[in-house]
């Protein structure tokens, strides 16, 4: 196998396994601000939630699996000792609703 091709495949594979919320948010935020008030508390709340998720689950896969990829430790070493699942659910639902509304608004503007 060609060495350069192998390196590209490994690099691509690694990038697909790692999600950095802040990079997506930094790209999306200017477009989201076009939909409303840039000082809206909802915008600050969404950003704070995304950044908190990134601290707790930097690879965006720890919430899905109990152990890390090597199966040597728990998947969320930065997680708090206790998680109130109702509050987590409400935060995730609010985030999903916000982003769904943004998608709808931006989609309408593109039409």
N, C-alpha and C. Protein backbone atom coordinates (compact mmCIF):
# COMPACT_ATOMS: atom_id res chain seq x y z
N UNK A 1 0.83 -1.17 0.00
CA UNK A 1 0.00 0.00 0.00
C UNK A 1 0.88 1.24 0.00
N UNK A 2 0.43 2.28 -0.67
CA UNK A 2 1.12 3.55 -0.74
C UNK A 2 1.14 4.19 0.65
N UNK A 3 2.32 4.60 1.13
CA UNK A 3 2.46 5.15 2.47
C UNK A 3 1.64 6.43 2.65
N UNK A 4 1.63 7.32 1.63
CA UNK A 4 0.89 8.56 1.78
C UNK A 4 -0.60 8.30 1.85
N UNK A 5 -1.09 7.32 1.11
CA UNK A 5 -2.50 7.00 1.17
C UNK A 5 -2.87 6.47 2.55
N UNK A 6 -2.04 5.62 3.11
CA UNK A 6 -2.30 5.09 4.43
C UNK A 6 -2.35 6.20 5.47
N UNK A 7 -1.44 7.17 5.39
CA UNK A 7 -1.44 8.27 6.35
C UNK A 7 -2.70 9.10 6.22
N UNK A 8 -3.15 9.32 4.99
CA UNK A 8 -4.38 10.10 4.77
C UNK A 8 -5.58 9.37 5.36
N UNK A 9 -5.62 8.06 5.20
CA UNK A 9 -6.74 7.29 5.72
C UNK A 9 -6.75 7.32 7.25
N UNK A 10 -5.56 7.20 7.85
CA UNK A 10 -5.48 7.25 9.31
C UNK A 10 -5.92 8.63 9.80
N UNK A 11 -5.44 9.67 9.14
CA UNK A 11 -5.80 11.03 9.54
C UNK A 11 -7.30 11.25 9.41
N UNK A 12 -7.87 10.80 8.31
CA UNK A 12 -9.30 10.95 8.12
C UNK A 12 -10.06 10.18 9.17
N UNK A 13 -9.63 8.97 9.43
CA UNK A 13 -10.30 8.16 10.44
C UNK A 13 -10.25 8.82 11.80
N UNK A 14 -9.13 9.41 12.16
CA UNK A 14 -9.01 10.07 13.45
C UNK A 14 -9.91 11.28 13.53
N UNK A 15 -10.00 12.05 12.44
CA UNK A 15 -10.84 13.24 12.49
C UNK A 15 -12.31 12.88 12.58
N UNK A 16 -12.71 11.77 12.03
CA UNK A 16 -14.10 11.36 12.11
C UNK A 16 -14.46 10.90 13.51
N UNK A 17 -13.49 10.47 14.30
CA UNK A 17 -13.76 9.99 15.64
C UNK A 17 -13.77 11.12 16.67
N UNK A 18 -13.33 12.31 16.29
CA UNK A 18 -13.22 13.40 17.23
C UNK A 18 -14.12 14.56 16.81
N UNK A 19 -14.99 14.96 17.69
CA UNK A 19 -15.87 16.09 17.44
C UNK A 19 -15.52 17.15 18.45
N UNK A 20 -15.27 18.35 17.97
CA UNK A 20 -14.98 19.47 18.86
C UNK A 20 -16.13 20.47 18.70
N UNK A 21 -17.02 20.49 19.70
CA UNK A 21 -18.20 21.33 19.61
C UNK A 21 -17.86 22.79 19.36
N UNK A 22 -16.81 23.29 20.02
CA UNK A 22 -16.49 24.71 19.90
C UNK A 22 -16.13 25.11 18.48
N UNK A 23 -15.51 24.22 17.73
CA UNK A 23 -15.19 24.55 16.33
C UNK A 23 -16.46 24.73 15.52
N UNK A 24 -17.42 23.81 15.69
CA UNK A 24 -18.69 23.94 14.98
C UNK A 24 -19.44 25.18 15.44
N UNK A 25 -19.44 25.42 16.74
CA UNK A 25 -20.15 26.57 17.27
C UNK A 25 -19.54 27.87 16.75
N UNK A 26 -18.22 27.97 16.73
CA UNK A 26 -17.56 29.18 16.25
C UNK A 26 -17.89 29.44 14.78
N UNK A 27 -18.04 28.38 14.00
CA UNK A 27 -18.44 28.54 12.59
C UNK A 27 -19.91 28.91 12.45
N UNK A 28 -20.75 28.34 13.30
CA UNK A 28 -22.20 28.53 13.18
C UNK A 28 -22.69 29.84 13.81
N UNK A 29 -22.03 30.29 14.85
CA UNK A 29 -22.51 31.43 15.62
C UNK A 29 -22.79 32.67 14.78
N UNK A 30 -21.91 33.09 13.87
CA UNK A 30 -22.21 34.28 13.07
C UNK A 30 -23.50 34.14 12.26
N UNK A 31 -23.79 32.94 11.79
CA UNK A 31 -25.02 32.71 11.03
C UNK A 31 -26.23 32.72 11.95
N UNK A 32 -26.06 32.17 13.15
CA UNK A 32 -27.16 32.13 14.12
C UNK A 32 -27.52 33.54 14.56
N UNK A 33 -26.54 34.39 14.74
CA UNK A 33 -26.79 35.77 15.17
C UNK A 33 -27.66 36.50 14.16
N UNK A 34 -27.58 36.13 12.89
CA UNK A 34 -28.41 36.77 11.87
C UNK A 34 -29.89 36.50 12.09
N UNK A 35 -30.21 35.49 12.86
CA UNK A 35 -31.61 35.11 13.11
C UNK A 35 -32.25 35.89 14.25
N UNK A 36 -31.46 36.61 15.01
CA UNK A 36 -32.05 37.30 16.16
C UNK A 36 -31.05 38.14 16.91
N UNK A 37 -31.38 38.44 18.13
CA UNK A 37 -30.60 39.31 18.99
C UNK A 37 -29.29 38.64 19.41
N UNK A 38 -28.14 39.24 19.08
CA UNK A 38 -26.86 38.63 19.46
C UNK A 38 -26.63 38.63 20.98
N UNK A 39 -27.41 39.41 21.72
CA UNK A 39 -27.28 39.46 23.18
C UNK A 39 -28.35 38.61 23.88
N UNK A 40 -29.09 37.82 23.12
CA UNK A 40 -30.17 37.01 23.70
C UNK A 40 -29.59 36.03 24.72
N UNK A 41 -30.26 35.88 25.87
CA UNK A 41 -29.75 34.95 26.89
C UNK A 41 -29.74 33.50 26.39
N UNK A 42 -30.63 33.16 25.48
CA UNK A 42 -30.66 31.80 24.93
C UNK A 42 -29.35 31.48 24.21
N UNK A 43 -28.83 32.44 23.50
CA UNK A 43 -27.58 32.24 22.77
C UNK A 43 -26.42 31.96 23.74
N UNK A 44 -26.35 32.74 24.80
CA UNK A 44 -25.31 32.53 25.80
C UNK A 44 -25.49 31.19 26.50
N UNK A 45 -26.73 30.80 26.77
CA UNK A 45 -27.01 29.52 27.42
C UNK A 45 -26.59 28.35 26.54
N UNK A 46 -26.92 28.42 25.26
CA UNK A 46 -26.53 27.35 24.33
C UNK A 46 -25.02 27.23 24.28
N UNK A 47 -24.35 28.36 24.16
CA UNK A 47 -22.88 28.34 24.11
C UNK A 47 -22.29 27.75 25.38
N UNK A 48 -22.81 28.14 26.53
CA UNK A 48 -22.31 27.61 27.81
C UNK A 48 -22.54 26.10 27.89
N UNK A 49 -23.70 25.63 27.46
CA UNK A 49 -23.98 24.19 27.48
C UNK A 49 -23.03 23.43 26.56
N UNK A 50 -22.81 23.95 25.36
CA UNK A 50 -21.90 23.27 24.43
C UNK A 50 -20.49 23.19 25.00
N UNK A 51 -20.03 24.27 25.58
CA UNK A 51 -18.67 24.29 26.15
C UNK A 51 -18.57 23.33 27.35
N UNK A 52 -19.63 23.25 28.15
CA UNK A 52 -19.62 22.33 29.29
C UNK A 52 -19.60 20.88 28.81
N UNK A 53 -20.38 20.57 27.78
CA UNK A 53 -20.35 19.22 27.21
C UNK A 53 -18.96 18.89 26.69
N UNK A 54 -18.31 19.87 26.08
CA UNK A 54 -16.98 19.64 25.53
C UNK A 54 -15.96 19.34 26.63
N UNK A 55 -16.10 19.99 27.78
CA UNK A 55 -15.19 19.72 28.91
C UNK A 55 -15.43 18.31 29.45
N UNK A 56 -16.69 17.95 29.60
CA UNK A 56 -17.03 16.64 30.16
C UNK A 56 -16.74 15.51 29.19
N UNK A 57 -17.03 15.74 27.90
CA UNK A 57 -16.92 14.68 26.88
C UNK A 57 -16.20 15.22 25.65
N UNK A 58 -14.87 15.43 25.74
CA UNK A 58 -14.13 16.08 24.65
C UNK A 58 -14.22 15.36 23.30
N UNK A 59 -14.36 14.07 23.28
CA UNK A 59 -14.45 13.34 22.02
C UNK A 59 -15.87 13.13 21.54
N UNK A 60 -16.84 13.61 22.31
CA UNK A 60 -18.27 13.49 22.00
C UNK A 60 -18.70 12.04 21.81
N UNK A 61 -18.05 11.14 22.52
CA UNK A 61 -18.47 9.74 22.43
C UNK A 61 -18.61 9.10 23.82
N UNK A 62 -18.18 9.77 24.84
CA UNK A 62 -18.21 9.21 26.19
C UNK A 62 -19.59 8.96 26.74
N UNK A 63 -20.55 9.79 26.35
CA UNK A 63 -21.92 9.59 26.83
C UNK A 63 -22.50 8.29 26.27
N UNK A 64 -21.96 7.82 25.17
CA UNK A 64 -22.51 6.62 24.53
C UNK A 64 -21.92 5.33 25.06
N UNK A 65 -20.73 5.40 25.65
CA UNK A 65 -20.03 4.17 26.05
C UNK A 65 -19.58 4.26 27.50
N UNK A 66 -19.65 3.18 28.25
CA UNK A 66 -19.23 3.24 29.66
C UNK A 66 -17.71 3.28 29.84
N UNK A 67 -16.95 2.74 28.88
CA UNK A 67 -15.49 2.70 28.97
C UNK A 67 -14.86 3.44 27.80
N UNK A 68 -13.60 3.85 27.98
CA UNK A 68 -12.89 4.50 26.88
C UNK A 68 -12.59 3.49 25.77
N UNK A 69 -11.99 3.95 24.69
CA UNK A 69 -11.73 3.07 23.54
C UNK A 69 -10.81 1.90 23.89
N UNK A 70 -9.87 2.13 24.81
CA UNK A 70 -8.94 1.07 25.21
C UNK A 70 -9.56 0.14 26.25
N UNK A 71 -10.73 0.50 26.73
CA UNK A 71 -11.44 -0.26 27.77
C UNK A 71 -10.64 -0.37 29.06
N UNK A 72 -9.88 0.70 29.36
CA UNK A 72 -9.04 0.70 30.55
C UNK A 72 -9.53 1.66 31.64
N UNK A 73 -10.48 2.52 31.29
CA UNK A 73 -10.99 3.50 32.25
C UNK A 73 -12.39 3.92 31.84
N UNK A 74 -13.07 4.59 32.75
CA UNK A 74 -14.40 5.07 32.40
C UNK A 74 -14.32 6.09 31.28
N UNK A 75 -15.36 6.19 30.51
CA UNK A 75 -15.33 7.02 29.31
C UNK A 75 -15.41 8.51 29.59
N UNK A 76 -15.88 8.90 30.74
CA UNK A 76 -16.02 10.32 31.07
C UNK A 76 -15.24 10.67 32.32
N UNK A 77 -13.91 10.74 32.24
CA UNK A 77 -13.13 11.02 33.44
C UNK A 77 -13.37 12.41 34.00
N UNK A 78 -13.87 13.35 33.18
CA UNK A 78 -14.12 14.72 33.64
C UNK A 78 -15.55 14.94 34.09
N UNK A 79 -16.34 13.89 34.12
CA UNK A 79 -17.75 14.03 34.49
C UNK A 79 -17.90 14.25 35.99
N UNK A 80 -18.95 14.96 36.36
CA UNK A 80 -19.22 15.08 37.80
C UNK A 80 -19.57 13.73 38.39
N UNK A 81 -19.42 13.61 39.70
CA UNK A 81 -19.70 12.32 40.35
C UNK A 81 -21.15 11.91 40.18
N UNK A 82 -22.06 12.89 40.26
CA UNK A 82 -23.49 12.61 40.12
C UNK A 82 -24.06 13.46 39.00
N UNK A 83 -24.99 12.89 38.24
CA UNK A 83 -25.65 13.62 37.15
C UNK A 83 -27.15 13.48 37.34
N UNK A 84 -27.83 14.60 37.39
CA UNK A 84 -29.27 14.59 37.46
C UNK A 84 -29.78 14.41 36.02
N UNK A 85 -30.26 13.22 35.72
CA UNK A 85 -30.65 12.91 34.35
C UNK A 85 -31.82 13.75 33.86
N UNK A 86 -32.70 14.15 34.75
CA UNK A 86 -33.82 15.00 34.33
C UNK A 86 -33.29 16.35 33.85
N UNK A 87 -32.37 16.93 34.59
CA UNK A 87 -31.81 18.23 34.20
C UNK A 87 -30.96 18.10 32.94
N UNK A 88 -30.20 17.02 32.84
CA UNK A 88 -29.43 16.78 31.62
C UNK A 88 -30.36 16.65 30.42
N UNK A 89 -31.45 15.90 30.59
CA UNK A 89 -32.42 15.73 29.51
C UNK A 89 -33.02 17.08 29.11
N UNK A 90 -33.39 17.89 30.09
CA UNK A 90 -33.97 19.19 29.79
C UNK A 90 -32.98 20.09 29.06
N UNK A 91 -31.72 20.05 29.46
CA UNK A 91 -30.69 20.86 28.80
C UNK A 91 -30.47 20.39 27.36
N UNK A 92 -30.43 19.08 27.17
CA UNK A 92 -30.24 18.54 25.81
C UNK A 92 -31.45 18.85 24.93
N UNK A 93 -32.63 18.75 25.51
CA UNK A 93 -33.86 19.04 24.75
C UNK A 93 -33.91 20.53 24.37
N UNK A 94 -33.54 21.41 25.29
CA UNK A 94 -33.51 22.84 24.99
C UNK A 94 -32.49 23.15 23.90
N UNK A 95 -31.34 22.52 23.97
CA UNK A 95 -30.31 22.69 22.96
C UNK A 95 -30.81 22.21 21.59
N UNK A 96 -31.41 21.04 21.55
CA UNK A 96 -31.94 20.50 20.30
C UNK A 96 -33.03 21.40 19.73
N UNK A 97 -33.92 21.89 20.59
CA UNK A 97 -34.99 22.78 20.12
C UNK A 97 -34.43 24.08 19.56
N UNK A 98 -33.43 24.63 20.24
CA UNK A 98 -32.80 25.86 19.77
C UNK A 98 -32.18 25.65 18.39
N UNK A 99 -31.39 24.60 18.26
CA UNK A 99 -30.71 24.34 16.98
C UNK A 99 -31.71 23.98 15.88
N UNK A 100 -32.79 23.32 16.22
CA UNK A 100 -33.83 23.02 15.25
C UNK A 100 -34.48 24.31 14.75
N UNK A 101 -34.74 25.23 15.67
CA UNK A 101 -35.30 26.52 15.28
C UNK A 101 -34.36 27.31 14.39
N UNK A 102 -33.08 27.27 14.70
CA UNK A 102 -32.08 27.96 13.87
C UNK A 102 -32.06 27.35 12.47
N UNK A 103 -32.06 26.02 12.42
CA UNK A 103 -32.05 25.34 11.11
C UNK A 103 -33.28 25.72 10.30
N UNK A 104 -34.41 25.77 10.94
CA UNK A 104 -35.65 26.15 10.26
C UNK A 104 -35.58 27.59 9.74
N UNK A 105 -35.12 28.49 10.59
CA UNK A 105 -35.02 29.91 10.20
C UNK A 105 -34.03 30.11 9.06
N UNK A 106 -32.86 29.50 9.19
CA UNK A 106 -31.85 29.65 8.13
C UNK A 106 -32.33 29.00 6.84
N UNK A 107 -33.01 27.86 6.95
CA UNK A 107 -33.56 27.20 5.76
C UNK A 107 -34.57 28.07 5.05
N UNK A 108 -35.42 28.75 5.82
CA UNK A 108 -36.42 29.66 5.25
C UNK A 108 -35.74 30.84 4.56
N UNK A 109 -34.69 31.35 5.15
CA UNK A 109 -33.98 32.48 4.55
C UNK A 109 -33.28 32.09 3.24
N UNK A 110 -32.88 30.82 3.13
CA UNK A 110 -32.21 30.37 1.92
C UNK A 110 -33.19 30.14 0.78
N UNK A 111 -34.46 29.90 1.13
CA UNK A 111 -35.47 29.63 0.08
C UNK A 111 -35.87 30.85 -0.66
